[in-house]
Amino acid sequence: MNKRPEQNEYAKYYAGYISMIPEGDIEQLLKQQVKDTLHLLNDLSEAEGEFRYAPGKWSIKEVIGHVVDTERIMAYRLLSIARGDAAQLPGYDENAYVAQANFNQEKMEDLLQNLFVVREGTLLLLKSLKEKDWQRWGTANELGVTVRAIACIIAGHELHHRKILKERYMGAKEFSAG
């Protein structure tokens, strides 16, 4: 898939994510961006993984876990819609998911492996799609969305959080990587 979705293919909430991704092959972008994210985070210590740039904000580990959870949910939505399922797919509360997950008790290595494996699954799913599947419409969180929009949302969501990790976490004067 080489064409960014039209604005009517997704909820306005996702416009920021979709605007972050460049034109081009979404599968190649997803493949490269997970490498970039893993490279950014691979050498962080366990203590650095638990860093929060402000009280009440998620830790780096929780951000990673959130990105993984969201990709799983979005990939399920993508699969359901691509297969022609007409069911309305539910929304989810990202804060409740993070609160229940205990990501800070997980090892950084395991969280990053999870990110890699989930992305590999997403890539294999996208590779299996036929051209007509990319254009299918479905309903998620009571809003219409296409398969190609969901693929772009996955990419933009990761880019959004990588930017936050770089700027607000790793860019904080209290953060000491290395």
C-alpha atoms as a PDB file:
ATOM      1  CA  MET A   1       0.000   0.000   0.000  1.00  0.00           C
ATOM      2  CA  ASN A   2       1.603   3.204  -1.188  1.00  0.00           C
ATOM      3  CA  LYS A   3      -1.154   5.775  -0.807  1.00  0.00           C
ATOM      4  CA  ARG A   4      -2.036   7.576   2.389  1.00  0.00           C
ATOM      5  CA  PRO A   5      -5.745   7.260   3.303  1.00  0.00           C
ATOM      6  CA  GLU A   6      -8.172  10.059   2.545  1.00  0.00           C
ATOM      7  CA  GLN A   7      -9.392  12.149   5.501  1.00  0.00           C
ATOM      8  CA  ASN A   8     -12.845  10.539   5.363  1.00  0.00           C
ATOM      9  CA  GLU A   9     -11.327   7.068   6.006  1.00  0.00           C
ATOM     10  CA  TYR A  10     -10.628   7.663   9.704  1.00  0.00           C
ATOM     11  CA  ALA A  11     -11.780   9.684  12.701  1.00  0.00           C
ATOM     12  CA  LYS A  12     -10.343  13.186  13.078  1.00  0.00           C
ATOM     13  CA  TYR A  13      -8.655  12.000  16.285  1.00  0.00           C
ATOM     14  CA  TYR A  14      -6.178  10.028  14.163  1.00  0.00           C
ATOM     15  CA  ALA A  15      -5.272  12.868  11.782  1.00  0.00           C
ATOM     16  CA  GLY A  16      -2.156  13.750  13.781  1.00  0.00           C
ATOM     17  CA  TYR A  17      -0.849  10.197  13.587  1.00  0.00           C
ATOM     18  CA  ILE A  18      -1.513   9.881   9.877  1.00  0.00           C
ATOM     19  CA  SER A  19       0.066  13.254   9.127  1.00  0.00           C
ATOM     20  CA  MET A  20       3.331  12.013  10.691  1.00  0.00           C
ATOM     21  CA  ILE A  21       3.875   9.246   8.177  1.00  0.00           C
ATOM     22  CA  PRO A  22       5.509   9.881   4.827  1.00  0.00           C
ATOM     23  CA  GLU A  23       4.007   8.783   1.534  1.00  0.00           C
ATOM     24  CA  GLY A  24       5.271   5.408   0.399  1.00  0.00           C
ATOM     25  CA  ASP A  25       5.054   1.727   1.143  1.00  0.00           C
ATOM     26  CA  ILE A  26       3.452   1.340   4.589  1.00  0.00           C
ATOM     27  CA  GLU A  27       4.917  -2.137   5.064  1.00  0.00           C
ATOM     28  CA  GLN A  28       8.457  -0.848   4.471  1.00  0.00           C
ATOM     29  CA  LEU A  29       7.818   2.069   6.792  1.00  0.00           C
ATOM     30  CA  LEU A  30       6.559  -0.218   9.564  1.00  0.00           C
ATOM     31  CA  LYS A  31       9.532  -2.541   9.105  1.00  0.00           C
ATOM     32  CA  GLN A  32      12.050   0.311   9.313  1.00  0.00           C
ATOM     33  CA  GLN A  33      10.407   2.236  12.108  1.00  0.00           C
ATOM     34  CA  VAL A  34      10.403  -0.684  14.536  1.00  0.00           C
ATOM     35  CA  LYS A  35      14.150  -1.034  13.895  1.00  0.00           C
ATOM     36  CA  ASP A  36      14.568   2.671  14.659  1.00  0.00           C
ATOM     37  CA  THR A  37      12.507   2.446  17.838  1.00  0.00           C
ATOM     38  CA  LEU A  38      14.360  -0.633  19.041  1.00  0.00           C
ATOM     39  CA  HIS A  39      17.677   1.099  18.316  1.00  0.00           C
ATOM     40  CA  LEU A  40      16.567   4.096  20.387  1.00  0.00           C
ATOM     41  CA  LEU A  41      15.520   1.996  23.382  1.00  0.00           C
ATOM     42  CA  ASN A  42      17.746  -1.079  23.235  1.00  0.00           C
ATOM     43  CA  ASP A  43      20.480   0.131  25.586  1.00  0.00           C
ATOM     44  CA  LEU A  44      18.267   1.539  28.327  1.00  0.00           C
ATOM     45  CA  SER A  45      18.746   0.119  31.810  1.00  0.00           C
ATOM     46  CA  GLU A  46      15.866  -1.191  33.902  1.00  0.00           C
ATOM     47  CA  ALA A  47      15.982   1.982  36.018  1.00  0.00           C
ATOM     48  CA  GLU A  48      15.886   4.167  32.905  1.00  0.00           C
ATOM     49  CA  GLY A  49      12.920   2.137  31.672  1.00  0.00           C
ATOM     50  CA  GLU A  50      11.045   3.160  34.812  1.00  0.00           C
ATOM     51  CA  PHE A  51      11.783   6.873  34.305  1.00  0.00           C
ATOM     52  CA  ARG A  52       8.821   9.281  34.229  1.00  0.00           C
ATOM     53  CA  TYR A  53       9.394  12.826  33.042  1.00  0.00           C
ATOM     54  CA  ALA A  54       6.712  14.142  35.411  1.00  0.00           C
ATOM     55  CA  PRO A  55       4.533  12.823  38.241  1.00  0.00           C
ATOM     56  CA  GLY A  56       1.500  10.945  36.986  1.00  0.00           C
ATOM     57  CA  LYS A  57       3.016  10.281  33.539  1.00  0.00           C
ATOM     58  CA  TRP A  58       3.698   6.795  32.264  1.00  0.00           C
ATOM     59  CA  SER A  59       7.180   5.354  32.581  1.00  0.00           C
ATOM     60  CA  ILE A  60       9.180   4.482  29.479  1.00  0.00           C
ATOM     61  CA  LYS A  61       8.261   0.833  30.066  1.00  0.00           C
ATOM     62  CA  GLU A  62       4.592   1.763  30.233  1.00  0.00           C
ATOM     63  CA  VAL A  63       4.852   3.735  26.986  1.00  0.00           C
ATOM     64  CA  ILE A  64       6.405   0.702  25.273  1.00  0.00           C
ATOM     65  CA  GLY A  65       3.676  -1.549  26.678  1.00  0.00           C
ATOM     66  CA  HIS A  66       1.009   0.902  25.534  1.00  0.00           C
ATOM     67  CA  VAL A  67       2.418   0.966  21.995  1.00  0.00           C
ATOM     68  CA  VAL A  68       2.376  -2.845  21.920  1.00  0.00           C
ATOM     69  CA  ASP A  69      -1.165  -3.094  23.327  1.00  0.00           C
ATOM     70  CA  THR A  70      -2.435  -0.517  20.860  1.00  0.00           C
ATOM     71  CA  GLU A  71      -0.818  -2.255  17.905  1.00  0.00           C
ATOM     72  CA  ARG A  72      -2.411  -5.548  18.955  1.00  0.00           C
ATOM     73  CA  ILE A  73      -5.826  -3.906  19.173  1.00  0.00           C
ATOM     74  CA  MET A  74      -5.407  -2.063  15.877  1.00  0.00           C
ATOM     75  CA  ALA A  75      -4.138  -5.199  14.133  1.00  0.00           C
ATOM     76  CA  TYR A  76      -7.208  -7.085  15.359  1.00  0.00           C
ATOM     77  CA  ARG A  77      -9.420  -4.315  14.020  1.00  0.00           C
ATOM     78  CA  LEU A  78      -7.535  -4.407  10.718  1.00  0.00           C
ATOM     79  CA  LEU A  79      -7.902  -8.194  10.479  1.00  0.00           C
ATOM     80  CA  SER A  80     -11.614  -8.108  11.323  1.00  0.00           C
ATOM     81  CA  ILE A  81     -12.390  -5.433   8.778  1.00  0.00           C
ATOM     82  CA  ALA A  82     -10.162  -6.951   6.075  1.00  0.00           C
ATOM     83  CA  ARG A  83     -12.012 -10.254   6.470  1.00  0.00           C
ATOM     84  CA  GLY A  84     -15.377  -8.535   6.028  1.00  0.00           C
ATOM     85  CA  ASP A  85     -16.560  -8.760   9.620  1.00  0.00           C
ATOM     86  CA  ALA A  86     -19.447  -6.295   9.989  1.00  0.00           C
ATOM     87  CA  ALA A  87     -19.364  -6.275  13.803  1.00  0.00           C
ATOM     88  CA  GLN A  88     -18.833  -2.955  15.540  1.00  0.00           C
ATOM     89  CA  LEU A  89     -15.444  -3.260  17.193  1.00  0.00           C
ATOM     90  CA  PRO A  90     -15.153  -1.789  20.688  1.00  0.00           C
ATOM     91  CA  GLY A  91     -12.952   1.041  21.857  1.00  0.00           C
ATOM     92  CA  TYR A  92     -10.622   0.694  24.809  1.00  0.00           C
ATOM     93  CA  ASP A  93      -9.347   2.780  27.705  1.00  0.00           C
ATOM     94  CA  GLU A  94      -5.576   3.075  27.269  1.00  0.00           C
ATOM     95  CA  ASN A  95      -5.057   4.288  30.838  1.00  0.00           C
ATOM     96  CA  ALA A  96      -6.963   1.339  32.313  1.00  0.00           C
ATOM     97  CA  TYR A  97      -4.937  -1.073  30.173  1.00  0.00           C
ATOM     98  CA  VAL A  98      -1.639   0.404  31.353  1.00  0.00           C
ATOM     99  CA  ALA A  99      -2.803   0.457  34.983  1.00  0.00           C
ATOM    100  CA  GLN A 100      -3.637  -3.276  34.821  1.00  0.00           C
ATOM    101  CA  ALA A 101      -0.554  -4.375  32.922  1.00  0.00           C
ATOM    102  CA  ASN A 102       2.308  -4.044  35.437  1.00  0.00           C
ATOM    103  CA  PHE A 103       4.755  -3.098  32.669  1.00  0.00           C
ATOM    104  CA  ASN A 104       7.266  -1.780  35.212  1.00  0.00           C
ATOM    105  CA  GLN A 105       7.704  -5.317  36.561  1.00  0.00           C
ATOM    106  CA  GLU A 106       8.705  -6.563  33.099  1.00  0.00           C
ATOM    107  CA  LYS A 107      12.269  -6.503  31.841  1.00  0.00           C
ATOM    108  CA  MET A 108      13.137  -3.965  29.166  1.00  0.00           C
ATOM    109  CA  GLU A 109      14.439  -6.805  27.015  1.00  0.00           C
ATOM    110  CA  ASP A 110      11.076  -8.590  27.182  1.00  0.00           C
ATOM    111  CA  LEU A 111       9.090  -5.446  26.401  1.00  0.00           C
ATOM    112  CA  LEU A 112      11.262  -4.705  23.374  1.00  0.00           C
ATOM    113  CA  GLN A 113      11.026  -8.314  22.188  1.00  0.00           C
ATOM    114  CA  ASN A 114       7.248  -8.042  22.503  1.00  0.00           C
ATOM    115  CA  LEU A 115       7.298  -4.872  20.375  1.00  0.00           C
ATOM    116  CA  PHE A 116       9.348  -6.645  17.708  1.00  0.00           C
ATOM    117  CA  VAL A 117       7.194  -9.790  17.657  1.00  0.00           C
ATOM    118  CA  VAL A 118       3.914  -7.891  17.523  1.00  0.00           C
ATOM    119  CA  ARG A 119       5.242  -5.802  14.637  1.00  0.00           C
ATOM    120  CA  GLU A 120       6.352  -8.941  12.788  1.00  0.00           C
ATOM    121  CA  GLY A 121       2.816 -10.290  13.162  1.00  0.00           C
ATOM    122  CA  THR A 122       1.363  -7.051  11.855  1.00  0.00           C
ATOM    123  CA  LEU A 123       3.705  -7.136   8.857  1.00  0.00           C
ATOM    124  CA  LEU A 124       2.757 -10.715   8.020  1.00  0.00           C
ATOM    125  CA  LEU A 125      -0.917  -9.780   8.245  1.00  0.00           C
ATOM    126  CA  LEU A 126      -0.429  -6.813   5.897  1.00  0.00           C
ATOM    127  CA  LYS A 127       1.552  -8.965   3.475  1.00  0.00           C
ATOM    128  CA  SER A 128      -1.401 -11.372   3.267  1.00  0.00           C
ATOM    129  CA  LEU A 129      -3.892  -8.700   2.202  1.00  0.00           C
ATOM    130  CA  LYS A 130      -5.261  -8.460  -1.306  1.00  0.00           C
ATOM    131  CA  GLU A 131      -5.598  -5.054  -2.964  1.00  0.00           C
ATOM    132  CA  LYS A 132      -9.373  -4.970  -2.344  1.00  0.00           C
ATOM    133  CA  ASP A 133      -8.860  -5.677   1.374  1.00  0.00           C
ATOM    134  CA  TRP A 134      -7.055  -2.356   1.878  1.00  0.00           C
ATOM    135  CA  GLN A 135     -10.204  -0.478   0.810  1.00  0.00           C
ATOM    136  CA  ARG A 136     -12.647  -2.261   3.128  1.00  0.00           C
ATOM    137  CA  TRP A 137     -14.623  -0.221   5.641  1.00  0.00           C
ATOM    138  CA  GLY A 138     -15.580  -1.190   9.162  1.00  0.00           C
ATOM    139  CA  THR A 139     -16.589   0.361  12.461  1.00  0.00           C
ATOM    140  CA  ALA A 140     -14.279   0.653  15.458  1.00  0.00           C
ATOM    141  CA  ASN A 141     -15.108   2.625  18.567  1.00  0.00           C
ATOM    142  CA  GLU A 142     -18.373   3.662  16.833  1.00  0.00           C
ATOM    143  CA  LEU A 143     -16.513   5.351  13.957  1.00  0.00           C
ATOM    144  CA  GLY A 144     -15.936   4.312  10.355  1.00  0.00           C
ATOM    145  CA  VAL A 145     -12.405   3.362   9.310  1.00  0.00           C
ATOM    146  CA  THR A 146     -10.664   1.592   6.425  1.00  0.00           C
ATOM    147  CA  VAL A 147      -8.041  -1.106   6.570  1.00  0.00           C
ATOM    148  CA  ARG A 148      -5.429   1.165   4.992  1.00  0.00           C
ATOM    149  CA  ALA A 149      -6.195   3.885   7.541  1.00  0.00           C
ATOM    150  CA  ILE A 150      -5.640   1.439  10.392  1.00  0.00           C
ATOM    151  CA  ALA A 151      -2.254   0.408   8.976  1.00  0.00           C
ATOM    152  CA  CYS A 152      -1.277   4.082   8.846  1.00  0.00           C
ATOM    153  CA  ILE A 153      -2.617   4.707  12.352  1.00  0.00           C
ATOM    154  CA  ILE A 154      -0.371   1.922  13.657  1.00  0.00           C
ATOM    155  CA  ALA A 155       2.649   3.576  12.042  1.00  0.00           C
ATOM    156  CA  GLY A 156       1.728   7.086  13.142  1.00  0.00           C
ATOM    157  CA  HIS A 157       0.962   5.988  16.699  1.00  0.00           C
ATOM    158  CA  GLU A 158       4.434   4.510  17.102  1.00  0.00           C
ATOM    159  CA  LEU A 159       6.059   7.614  15.569  1.00  0.00           C
ATOM    160  CA  HIS A 160       4.053   9.838  17.928  1.00  0.00           C
ATOM    161  CA  HIS A 161       5.245   7.939  20.994  1.00  0.00           C
ATOM    162  CA  ARG A 162       8.843   7.671  19.763  1.00  0.00           C
ATOM    163  CA  LYS A 163       8.880  11.463  19.428  1.00  0.00           C
ATOM    164  CA  ILE A 164       7.563  11.821  22.997  1.00  0.00           C
ATOM    165  CA  LEU A 165      10.152   9.330  24.261  1.00  0.00           C
ATOM    166  CA  LYS A 166      12.968  11.289  22.615  1.00  0.00           C
ATOM    167  CA  GLU A 167      11.798  14.749  23.618  1.00  0.00           C
ATOM    168  CA  ARG A 168      10.074  14.441  26.981  1.00  0.00           C
ATOM    169  CA  TYR A 169      11.741  11.374  28.460  1.00  0.00           C
ATOM    170  CA  MET A 170      15.237  11.019  27.066  1.00  0.00           C
ATOM    171  CA  GLY A 171      15.485  14.780  26.579  1.00  0.00           C
ATOM    172  CA  ALA A 172      14.671  15.536  30.219  1.00  0.00           C
ATOM    173  CA  LYS A 173      17.567  16.889  32.264  1.00  0.00           C
ATOM    174  CA  GLU A 174      16.744  14.303  34.966  1.00  0.00           C
ATOM    175  CA  PHE A 175      17.174  11.456  32.491  1.00  0.00           C
ATOM    176  CA  SER A 176      20.697  10.091  32.295  1.00  0.00           C
ATOM    177  CA  ALA A 177      21.041   7.488  29.546  1.00  0.00           C
ATOM    178  CA  GLY A 178      24.238   5.542  29.341  1.00  0.00           C
END
